[in-house]
Amino acid sequence: MSVESTTAPDGLCTITLNDPTRRNPIGHAARIALRAVLEQAAMDDTVRAVVLTGAGGHFSAGGDIRDQGTRSLGEHRERFAVIADMVTRLARFPKPLVAAVEGWAAGGGFSLAMACPMVVASRKARFTAAFTKIALMPDMGMLSTLPARVGPALARRILLDNRIIEASDAMEMGLVDAIADPGEAAQRAGEYALQEAATAPLPRQFMLDWFARDLSAALEFEASLQPALLNSADSAEGRAAFAEKRPPQFRGC
């Protein structure tokens, strides 16, 4: 199974993206599984807080490129409905939720981390958007969540130039909330999550709702445009170039 969940006696639930041989891609099946695990954790009274992490030394290398491609509008709508539900659950989760990032958080993996209310990164963590490298726009709410963390000007540059952001720079720009030693991100994230679980839940929920107030607009925007990009010739070229390890030749169509 690509998503696993365990709950410790102290009420800390650890959700793990578990496809380490492929650096934990977050394709459609994984998104459905993650949404189901989040729903279960939200309703489970024994769960006090949640950590979201990845197996094998990486958070997530992003969307599953083998799962992308031309589809009907109806299929795309269903897929983006899953994305919107999953991202909204993360951003407005009713219990403390912290992303623990080791290694790469790229593309959709970057988006996934940004959707979490708090992010703890290993000193060896790396972040990159990389969407435009395969002729796509950022999705999974990143047009809202990234500017909310670093401001619109810096977010625009991060998304357009596809820079690789080291953990120390991510901390300085506000991309992450805390840094941990390699291999200890999940432990630190759990400590922060349980500390927050001791606070009053209702004010916390109302504040999260406020900070996520623009998220639905970003999700609607991406759902209206990303399907056309996924069906475009440039996107097909981007996927082919990625698989063939060569520079893409985009034509704007």
C-alpha atoms as a PDB file:
ATOM      1  CA  MET A   1       0.000   0.000   0.000  1.00  0.00           C
ATOM      2  CA  SER A   2       1.335   3.452  -0.919  1.00  0.00           C
ATOM      3  CA  VAL A   3       0.045   5.165   2.249  1.00  0.00           C
ATOM      4  CA  GLU A   4       0.365   3.677   5.728  1.00  0.00           C
ATOM      5  CA  SER A   5      -0.816   4.893   9.118  1.00  0.00           C
ATOM      6  CA  THR A   6       0.204   3.969  12.661  1.00  0.00           C
ATOM      7  CA  THR A   7      -0.900   5.488  15.972  1.00  0.00           C
ATOM      8  CA  ALA A   8       1.314   5.464  19.064  1.00  0.00           C
ATOM      9  CA  PRO A   9      -0.019   5.158  22.632  1.00  0.00           C
ATOM     10  CA  ASP A  10       0.423   8.926  23.139  1.00  0.00           C
ATOM     11  CA  GLY A  11      -2.086   9.570  20.345  1.00  0.00           C
ATOM     12  CA  LEU A  12       0.420  10.585  17.672  1.00  0.00           C
ATOM     13  CA  CYS A  13      -0.631   9.222  14.291  1.00  0.00           C
ATOM     14  CA  THR A  14       2.137   8.931  11.697  1.00  0.00           C
ATOM     15  CA  ILE A  15       0.987   8.829   8.078  1.00  0.00           C
ATOM     16  CA  THR A  16       3.711   7.604   5.738  1.00  0.00           C
ATOM     17  CA  LEU A  17       3.873   7.818   1.961  1.00  0.00           C
ATOM     18  CA  ASN A  18       5.355   4.393   1.356  1.00  0.00           C
ATOM     19  CA  ASP A  19       6.747   3.826  -2.118  1.00  0.00           C
ATOM     20  CA  PRO A  20      10.433   4.436  -1.359  1.00  0.00           C
ATOM     21  CA  THR A  21      11.859   2.858  -4.505  1.00  0.00           C
ATOM     22  CA  ARG A  22      10.175   5.663  -6.483  1.00  0.00           C
ATOM     23  CA  ARG A  23      10.630   8.380  -3.841  1.00  0.00           C
ATOM     24  CA  ASN A  24       6.962   8.247  -2.826  1.00  0.00           C
ATOM     25  CA  PRO A  25       5.118   9.733  -5.822  1.00  0.00           C
ATOM     26  CA  ILE A  26       1.739  11.244  -5.023  1.00  0.00           C
ATOM     27  CA  GLY A  27      -0.332   9.983  -7.938  1.00  0.00           C
ATOM     28  CA  HIS A  28      -4.101   9.581  -8.067  1.00  0.00           C
ATOM     29  CA  ALA A  29      -4.211   6.288  -6.152  1.00  0.00           C
ATOM     30  CA  ALA A  30      -1.958   7.698  -3.433  1.00  0.00           C
ATOM     31  CA  ARG A  31      -4.126  10.812  -3.159  1.00  0.00           C
ATOM     32  CA  ILE A  32      -7.242   8.693  -2.711  1.00  0.00           C
ATOM     33  CA  ALA A  33      -5.476   6.611  -0.068  1.00  0.00           C
ATOM     34  CA  LEU A  34      -4.171   9.680   1.751  1.00  0.00           C
ATOM     35  CA  ARG A  35      -7.607  11.275   1.763  1.00  0.00           C
ATOM     36  CA  ALA A  36      -9.083   8.127   3.315  1.00  0.00           C
ATOM     37  CA  VAL A  37      -6.384   7.925   5.993  1.00  0.00           C
ATOM     38  CA  LEU A  38      -6.858  11.610   6.861  1.00  0.00           C
ATOM     39  CA  GLU A  39     -10.605  11.103   7.171  1.00  0.00           C
ATOM     40  CA  GLN A  40     -10.082   8.147   9.496  1.00  0.00           C
ATOM     41  CA  ALA A  41      -7.563  10.027  11.654  1.00  0.00           C
ATOM     42  CA  ALA A  42      -9.886  13.018  11.933  1.00  0.00           C
ATOM     43  CA  MET A  43     -12.703  10.840  13.274  1.00  0.00           C
ATOM     44  CA  ASP A  44     -10.577   8.618  15.544  1.00  0.00           C
ATOM     45  CA  ASP A  45     -10.812   9.915  19.115  1.00  0.00           C
ATOM     46  CA  THR A  46      -7.568   8.140  20.047  1.00  0.00           C
ATOM     47  CA  VAL A  47      -5.653  10.307  17.554  1.00  0.00           C
ATOM     48  CA  ARG A  48      -4.487  13.596  19.103  1.00  0.00           C
ATOM     49  CA  ALA A  49      -2.077  14.787  16.410  1.00  0.00           C
ATOM     50  CA  VAL A  50      -0.720  13.741  13.019  1.00  0.00           C
ATOM     51  CA  VAL A  51       2.677  13.689  11.296  1.00  0.00           C
ATOM     52  CA  LEU A  52       2.826  13.275   7.526  1.00  0.00           C
ATOM     53  CA  THR A  53       6.129  11.923   6.214  1.00  0.00           C
ATOM     54  CA  GLY A  54       7.688   9.757   3.508  1.00  0.00           C
ATOM     55  CA  ALA A  55       9.531   6.437   3.605  1.00  0.00           C
ATOM     56  CA  GLY A  56      13.078   5.756   2.504  1.00  0.00           C
ATOM     57  CA  GLY A  57      14.675   9.103   3.242  1.00  0.00           C
ATOM     58  CA  HIS A  58      12.475  11.251   0.987  1.00  0.00           C
ATOM     59  CA  PHE A  59       9.168  13.040   1.460  1.00  0.00           C
ATOM     60  CA  SER A  60       7.797  12.858  -2.092  1.00  0.00           C
ATOM     61  CA  ALA A  61       9.233  13.317  -5.574  1.00  0.00           C
ATOM     62  CA  GLY A  62       5.881  14.706  -6.698  1.00  0.00           C
ATOM     63  CA  GLY A  63       3.121  13.607  -9.015  1.00  0.00           C
ATOM     64  CA  ASP A  64       3.394  10.183 -10.579  1.00  0.00           C
ATOM     65  CA  ILE A  65       4.445  11.035 -14.127  1.00  0.00           C
ATOM     66  CA  ARG A  66       3.354   7.564 -15.289  1.00  0.00           C
ATOM     67  CA  ASP A  67      -0.136   8.468 -14.086  1.00  0.00           C
ATOM     68  CA  GLN A  68      -0.318  11.721 -16.063  1.00  0.00           C
ATOM     69  CA  GLY A  69      -1.558  12.120 -19.602  1.00  0.00           C
ATOM     70  CA  THR A  70      -4.491  12.894 -21.840  1.00  0.00           C
ATOM     71  CA  ARG A  71      -7.901  12.171 -20.320  1.00  0.00           C
ATOM     72  CA  SER A  72     -11.495  13.227 -20.844  1.00  0.00           C
ATOM     73  CA  LEU A  73     -12.776  16.339 -19.103  1.00  0.00           C
ATOM     74  CA  GLY A  74     -14.952  14.142 -16.887  1.00  0.00           C
ATOM     75  CA  GLU A  75     -11.988  12.067 -15.740  1.00  0.00           C
ATOM     76  CA  HIS A  76      -9.939  15.172 -15.036  1.00  0.00           C
ATOM     77  CA  ARG A  77     -12.781  16.703 -13.016  1.00  0.00           C
ATOM     78  CA  GLU A  78     -13.035  13.627 -10.833  1.00  0.00           C
ATOM     79  CA  ARG A  79      -9.292  13.603 -10.239  1.00  0.00           C
ATOM     80  CA  PHE A  80      -9.191  17.275  -9.315  1.00  0.00           C
ATOM     81  CA  ALA A  81     -12.147  16.802  -6.987  1.00  0.00           C
ATOM     82  CA  VAL A  82     -10.018  14.276  -5.089  1.00  0.00           C
ATOM     83  CA  ILE A  83      -7.113  16.739  -5.016  1.00  0.00           C
ATOM     84  CA  ALA A  84      -9.307  19.554  -3.708  1.00  0.00           C
ATOM     85  CA  ASP A  85     -10.758  17.377  -0.959  1.00  0.00           C
ATOM     86  CA  MET A  86      -7.355  16.022   0.089  1.00  0.00           C
ATOM     87  CA  VAL A  87      -5.657  19.435   0.159  1.00  0.00           C
ATOM     88  CA  THR A  88      -8.529  21.050   2.038  1.00  0.00           C
ATOM     89  CA  ARG A  89      -8.416  18.282   4.640  1.00  0.00           C
ATOM     90  CA  LEU A  90      -4.697  18.913   5.134  1.00  0.00           C
ATOM     91  CA  ALA A  91      -4.933  22.694   5.384  1.00  0.00           C
ATOM     92  CA  ARG A  92      -7.952  22.630   7.708  1.00  0.00           C
ATOM     93  CA  PHE A  93      -7.272  19.419   9.575  1.00  0.00           C
ATOM     94  CA  PRO A  94      -9.128  19.433  12.927  1.00  0.00           C
ATOM     95  CA  LYS A  95      -6.089  18.175  14.858  1.00  0.00           C
ATOM     96  CA  PRO A  96      -2.468  19.355  14.815  1.00  0.00           C
ATOM     97  CA  LEU A  97      -0.809  18.186  11.607  1.00  0.00           C
ATOM     98  CA  VAL A  98       2.888  18.589  10.786  1.00  0.00           C
ATOM     99  CA  ALA A  99       4.767  17.580   7.641  1.00  0.00           C
ATOM    100  CA  ALA A 100       8.156  15.950   8.283  1.00  0.00           C
ATOM    101  CA  VAL A 101      10.358  16.378   5.219  1.00  0.00           C
ATOM    102  CA  GLU A 102      13.486  14.310   4.675  1.00  0.00           C
ATOM    103  CA  GLY A 103      15.230  14.414   1.307  1.00  0.00           C
ATOM    104  CA  TRP A 104      13.242  15.633  -1.681  1.00  0.00           C
ATOM    105  CA  ALA A 105       9.908  17.434  -1.689  1.00  0.00           C
ATOM    106  CA  ALA A 106       9.509  18.121  -5.396  1.00  0.00           C
ATOM    107  CA  GLY A 107       6.586  19.170  -7.570  1.00  0.00           C
ATOM    108  CA  GLY A 108       3.431  17.764  -6.034  1.00  0.00           C
ATOM    109  CA  GLY A 109       5.484  16.669  -3.026  1.00  0.00           C
ATOM    110  CA  PHE A 110       6.395  20.312  -2.463  1.00  0.00           C
ATOM    111  CA  SER A 111       2.703  21.221  -2.779  1.00  0.00           C
ATOM    112  CA  LEU A 112       1.777  18.498  -0.310  1.00  0.00           C
ATOM    113  CA  ALA A 113       4.181  19.848   2.307  1.00  0.00           C
ATOM    114  CA  MET A 114       2.944  23.429   1.786  1.00  0.00           C
ATOM    115  CA  ALA A 115      -0.657  22.317   2.370  1.00  0.00           C
ATOM    116  CA  CYS A 116       0.242  21.246   5.909  1.00  0.00           C
ATOM    117  CA  PRO A 117      -0.140  23.862   8.669  1.00  0.00           C
ATOM    118  CA  MET A 118       3.431  23.219   9.894  1.00  0.00           C
ATOM    119  CA  VAL A 119       6.560  21.858   8.205  1.00  0.00           C
ATOM    120  CA  VAL A 120       9.671  20.413   9.863  1.00  0.00           C
ATOM    121  CA  ALA A 121      12.549  19.722   7.479  1.00  0.00           C
ATOM    122  CA  SER A 122      15.744  17.748   7.793  1.00  0.00           C
ATOM    123  CA  ARG A 123      18.930  19.725   7.234  1.00  0.00           C
ATOM    124  CA  LYS A 124      19.351  17.658   4.069  1.00  0.00           C
ATOM    125  CA  ALA A 125      15.852  18.341   2.763  1.00  0.00           C
ATOM    126  CA  ARG A 126      15.452  19.933  -0.652  1.00  0.00           C
ATOM    127  CA  PHE A 127      12.463  21.625  -2.247  1.00  0.00           C
ATOM    128  CA  THR A 128      11.724  22.416  -5.891  1.00  0.00           C
ATOM    129  CA  ALA A 129       8.544  23.250  -7.791  1.00  0.00           C
ATOM    130  CA  ALA A 130       9.498  21.821 -11.226  1.00  0.00           C
ATOM    131  CA  PHE A 131       5.960  22.003 -12.644  1.00  0.00           C
ATOM    132  CA  THR A 132       6.895  24.107 -15.655  1.00  0.00           C
ATOM    133  CA  LYS A 133       9.610  21.605 -16.575  1.00  0.00           C
ATOM    134  CA  ILE A 134       6.799  19.343 -17.775  1.00  0.00           C
ATOM    135  CA  ALA A 135       4.617  22.208 -19.076  1.00  0.00           C
ATOM    136  CA  LEU A 136       2.231  22.253 -16.112  1.00  0.00           C
ATOM    137  CA  MET A 137       1.157  24.913 -13.643  1.00  0.00           C
ATOM    138  CA  PRO A 138       1.467  24.376  -9.883  1.00  0.00           C
ATOM    139  CA  ASP A 139      -1.436  22.447  -8.415  1.00  0.00           C
ATOM    140  CA  MET A 140      -2.602  20.911  -5.133  1.00  0.00           C
ATOM    141  CA  GLY A 141      -3.298  24.426  -3.872  1.00  0.00           C
ATOM    142  CA  MET A 142       0.265  25.691  -4.199  1.00  0.00           C
ATOM    143  CA  LEU A 143      -0.774  28.983  -5.812  1.00  0.00           C
ATOM    144  CA  SER A 144      -2.311  29.803  -2.428  1.00  0.00           C
ATOM    145  CA  THR A 145      -0.198  27.952   0.124  1.00  0.00           C
ATOM    146  CA  LEU A 146       3.256  29.010  -1.094  1.00  0.00           C
ATOM    147  CA  PRO A 147       2.579  32.794  -1.222  1.00  0.00           C
ATOM    148  CA  ALA A 148       0.937  32.510   2.194  1.00  0.00           C
ATOM    149  CA  ARG A 149       4.285  31.307   3.545  1.00  0.00           C
ATOM    150  CA  VAL A 150       6.857  33.376   1.665  1.00  0.00           C
ATOM    151  CA  GLY A 151       4.922  36.235   0.034  1.00  0.00           C
ATOM    152  CA  PRO A 152       3.772  36.562  -3.595  1.00  0.00           C
ATOM    153  CA  ALA A 153       6.979  37.958  -5.114  1.00  0.00           C
ATOM    154  CA  LEU A 154       9.245  35.207  -3.794  1.00  0.00           C
ATOM    155  CA  ALA A 155       6.610  32.541  -4.485  1.00  0.00           C
ATOM    156  CA  ARG A 156       6.405  33.697  -8.094  1.00  0.00           C
ATOM    157  CA  ARG A 157      10.173  33.362  -8.535  1.00  0.00           C
ATOM    158  CA  ILE A 158      10.265  29.924  -6.864  1.00  0.00           C
ATOM    159  CA  LEU A 159       7.522  28.653  -9.163  1.00  0.00           C
ATOM    160  CA  LEU A 160       8.909  30.156 -12.370  1.00  0.00           C
ATOM    161  CA  ASP A 161      12.631  29.508 -12.027  1.00  0.00           C
ATOM    162  CA  ASN A 162      12.356  26.012 -10.494  1.00  0.00           C
ATOM    163  CA  ARG A 163      15.254  26.661  -8.142  1.00  0.00           C
ATOM    164  CA  ILE A 164      16.394  23.957  -5.750  1.00  0.00           C
ATOM    165  CA  ILE A 165      15.934  25.239  -2.199  1.00  0.00           C
ATOM    166  CA  GLU A 166      18.164  23.820   0.492  1.00  0.00           C
ATOM    167  CA  ALA A 167      16.760  23.392   4.006  1.00  0.00           C
ATOM    168  CA  SER A 168      18.730  26.308   5.474  1.00  0.00           C
ATOM    169  CA  ASP A 169      17.409  28.673   2.798  1.00  0.00           C
ATOM    170  CA  ALA A 170      13.895  27.254   3.237  1.00  0.00           C
ATOM    171  CA  MET A 171      14.070  28.108   6.923  1.00  0.00           C
ATOM    172  CA  GLU A 172      15.337  31.627   6.249  1.00  0.00           C
ATOM    173  CA  MET A 173      12.576  32.433   3.763  1.00  0.00           C
ATOM    174  CA  GLY A 174       9.815  30.967   5.953  1.00  0.00           C
ATOM    175  CA  LEU A 175       9.148  27.984   3.751  1.00  0.00           C
ATOM    176  CA  VAL A 176       9.549  25.656   6.737  1.00  0.00           C
ATOM    177  CA  ASP A 177       8.917  26.199  10.445  1.00  0.00           C
ATOM    178  CA  ALA A 178      11.756  24.189  11.996  1.00  0.00           C
ATOM    179  CA  ILE A 179      14.911  22.286  11.093  1.00  0.00           C
ATOM    180  CA  ALA A 180      15.923  18.848  12.392  1.00  0.00           C
ATOM    181  CA  ASP A 181      19.013  16.699  12.064  1.00  0.00           C
ATOM    182  CA  PRO A 182      18.896  14.154   9.223  1.00  0.00           C
ATOM    183  CA  GLY A 183      16.650  11.245  10.123  1.00  0.00           C
ATOM    184  CA  GLU A 184      14.968  13.142  12.960  1.00  0.00           C
ATOM    185  CA  ALA A 185      12.385  15.249  11.126  1.00  0.00           C
ATOM    186  CA  ALA A 186       9.485  12.936  12.000  1.00  0.00           C
ATOM    187  CA  GLN A 187      10.452  12.852  15.671  1.00  0.00           C
ATOM    188  CA  ARG A 188      10.685  16.647  15.881  1.00  0.00           C
ATOM    189  CA  ALA A 189       7.441  16.997  13.955  1.00  0.00           C
ATOM    190  CA  GLY A 190       5.726  14.669  16.412  1.00  0.00           C
ATOM    191  CA  GLU A 191       6.956  16.707  19.361  1.00  0.00           C
ATOM    192  CA  TYR A 192       5.576  19.912  17.861  1.00  0.00           C
ATOM    193  CA  ALA A 193       2.281  18.242  16.951  1.00  0.00           C
ATOM    194  CA  LEU A 194       1.711  16.882  20.466  1.00  0.00           C
ATOM    195  CA  GLN A 195       2.612  20.247  22.021  1.00  0.00           C
ATOM    196  CA  GLU A 196      -0.030  21.877  19.868  1.00  0.00           C
ATOM    197  CA  ALA A 197      -2.519  19.141  20.780  1.00  0.00           C
ATOM    198  CA  ALA A 198      -2.435  20.403  24.362  1.00  0.00           C
ATOM    199  CA  THR A 199      -3.928  23.758  23.310  1.00  0.00           C
ATOM    200  CA  ALA A 200      -7.628  24.616  22.900  1.00  0.00           C
ATOM    201  CA  PRO A 201      -8.892  23.031  19.652  1.00  0.00           C
ATOM    202  CA  LEU A 202     -11.690  25.432  18.685  1.00  0.00           C
ATOM    203  CA  PRO A 203      -9.641  28.650  18.385  1.00  0.00           C
ATOM    204  CA  ARG A 204      -6.982  26.688  16.534  1.00  0.00           C
ATOM    205  CA  GLN A 205      -9.556  25.424  14.009  1.00  0.00           C
ATOM    206  CA  PHE A 206     -11.001  28.893  13.418  1.00  0.00           C
ATOM    207  CA  MET A 207      -7.516  30.304  12.815  1.00  0.00           C
ATOM    208  CA  LEU A 208      -6.690  27.552  10.320  1.00  0.00           C
ATOM    209  CA  ASP A 209      -9.951  28.288   8.505  1.00  0.00           C
ATOM    210  CA  TRP A 210      -8.944  31.945   8.244  1.00  0.00           C
ATOM    211  CA  PHE A 211      -5.446  31.223   6.973  1.00  0.00           C
ATOM    212  CA  ALA A 212      -6.893  28.822   4.369  1.00  0.00           C
ATOM    213  CA  ARG A 213      -9.572  31.249   3.227  1.00  0.00           C
ATOM    214  CA  ASP A 214      -8.025  31.718  -0.253  1.00  0.00           C
ATOM    215  CA  LEU A 215      -7.268  28.054  -0.826  1.00  0.00           C
ATOM    216  CA  SER A 216     -10.571  27.158  -2.487  1.00  0.00           C
ATOM    217  CA  ALA A 217     -10.051  29.832  -5.152  1.00  0.00           C
ATOM    218  CA  ALA A 218      -6.626  28.411  -6.021  1.00  0.00           C
ATOM    219  CA  LEU A 219      -8.021  24.870  -6.188  1.00  0.00           C
ATOM    220  CA  GLU A 220     -10.862  25.984  -8.486  1.00  0.00           C
ATOM    221  CA  PHE A 221      -8.421  27.893 -10.700  1.00  0.00           C
ATOM    222  CA  GLU A 222      -6.064  24.950 -11.143  1.00  0.00           C
ATOM    223  CA  ALA A 223      -8.951  22.546 -11.742  1.00  0.00           C
ATOM    224  CA  SER A 224     -10.210  24.772 -14.573  1.00  0.00           C
ATOM    225  CA  LEU A 225      -6.828  25.036 -16.350  1.00  0.00           C
ATOM    226  CA  GLN A 226      -4.562  22.129 -15.435  1.00  0.00           C
ATOM    227  CA  PRO A 227      -6.626  19.554 -17.417  1.00  0.00           C
ATOM    228  CA  ALA A 228      -5.978  21.501 -20.621  1.00  0.00           C
ATOM    229  CA  LEU A 229      -2.273  21.604 -19.814  1.00  0.00           C
ATOM    230  CA  LEU A 230      -2.208  17.875 -19.042  1.00  0.00           C
ATOM    231  CA  ASN A 231      -3.815  17.235 -22.445  1.00  0.00           C
ATOM    232  CA  SER A 232      -1.437  19.582 -24.294  1.00  0.00           C
ATOM    233  CA  ALA A 233       1.304  18.631 -26.726  1.00  0.00           C
ATOM    234  CA  ASP A 234       3.824  20.463 -24.552  1.00  0.00           C
ATOM    235  CA  SER A 235       2.905  18.341 -21.547  1.00  0.00           C
ATOM    236  CA  ALA A 236       3.357  15.175 -23.595  1.00  0.00           C
ATOM    237  CA  GLU A 237       6.746  16.487 -24.705  1.00  0.00           C
ATOM    238  CA  GLY A 238       7.670  17.324 -21.123  1.00  0.00           C
ATOM    239  CA  ARG A 239       6.856  13.800 -19.967  1.00  0.00           C
ATOM    240  CA  ALA A 240       8.757  12.264 -22.852  1.00  0.00           C
ATOM    241  CA  ALA A 241      11.788  14.476 -22.204  1.00  0.00           C
ATOM    242  CA  PHE A 242      11.725  13.559 -18.524  1.00  0.00           C
ATOM    243  CA  ALA A 243      11.627   9.840 -19.318  1.00  0.00           C
ATOM    244  CA  GLU A 244      14.374  10.199 -21.926  1.00  0.00           C
ATOM    245  CA  LYS A 245      16.513  12.468 -19.703  1.00  0.00           C
ATOM    246  CA  ARG A 246      16.793  15.243 -22.307  1.00  0.00           C
ATOM    247  CA  PRO A 247      15.822  18.917 -22.474  1.00  0.00           C
ATOM    248  CA  PRO A 248      12.202  19.405 -23.583  1.00  0.00           C
ATOM    249  CA  GLN A 249      11.344  21.234 -26.814  1.00  0.00           C
ATOM    250  CA  PHE A 250       8.203  23.203 -25.983  1.00  0.00           C
ATOM    251  CA  ARG A 251       6.114  24.814 -28.741  1.00  0.00           C
ATOM    252  CA  GLY A 252       3.378  26.524 -26.747  1.00  0.00           C
ATOM    253  CA  CYS A 253       0.592  24.195 -27.770  1.00  0.00           C
END
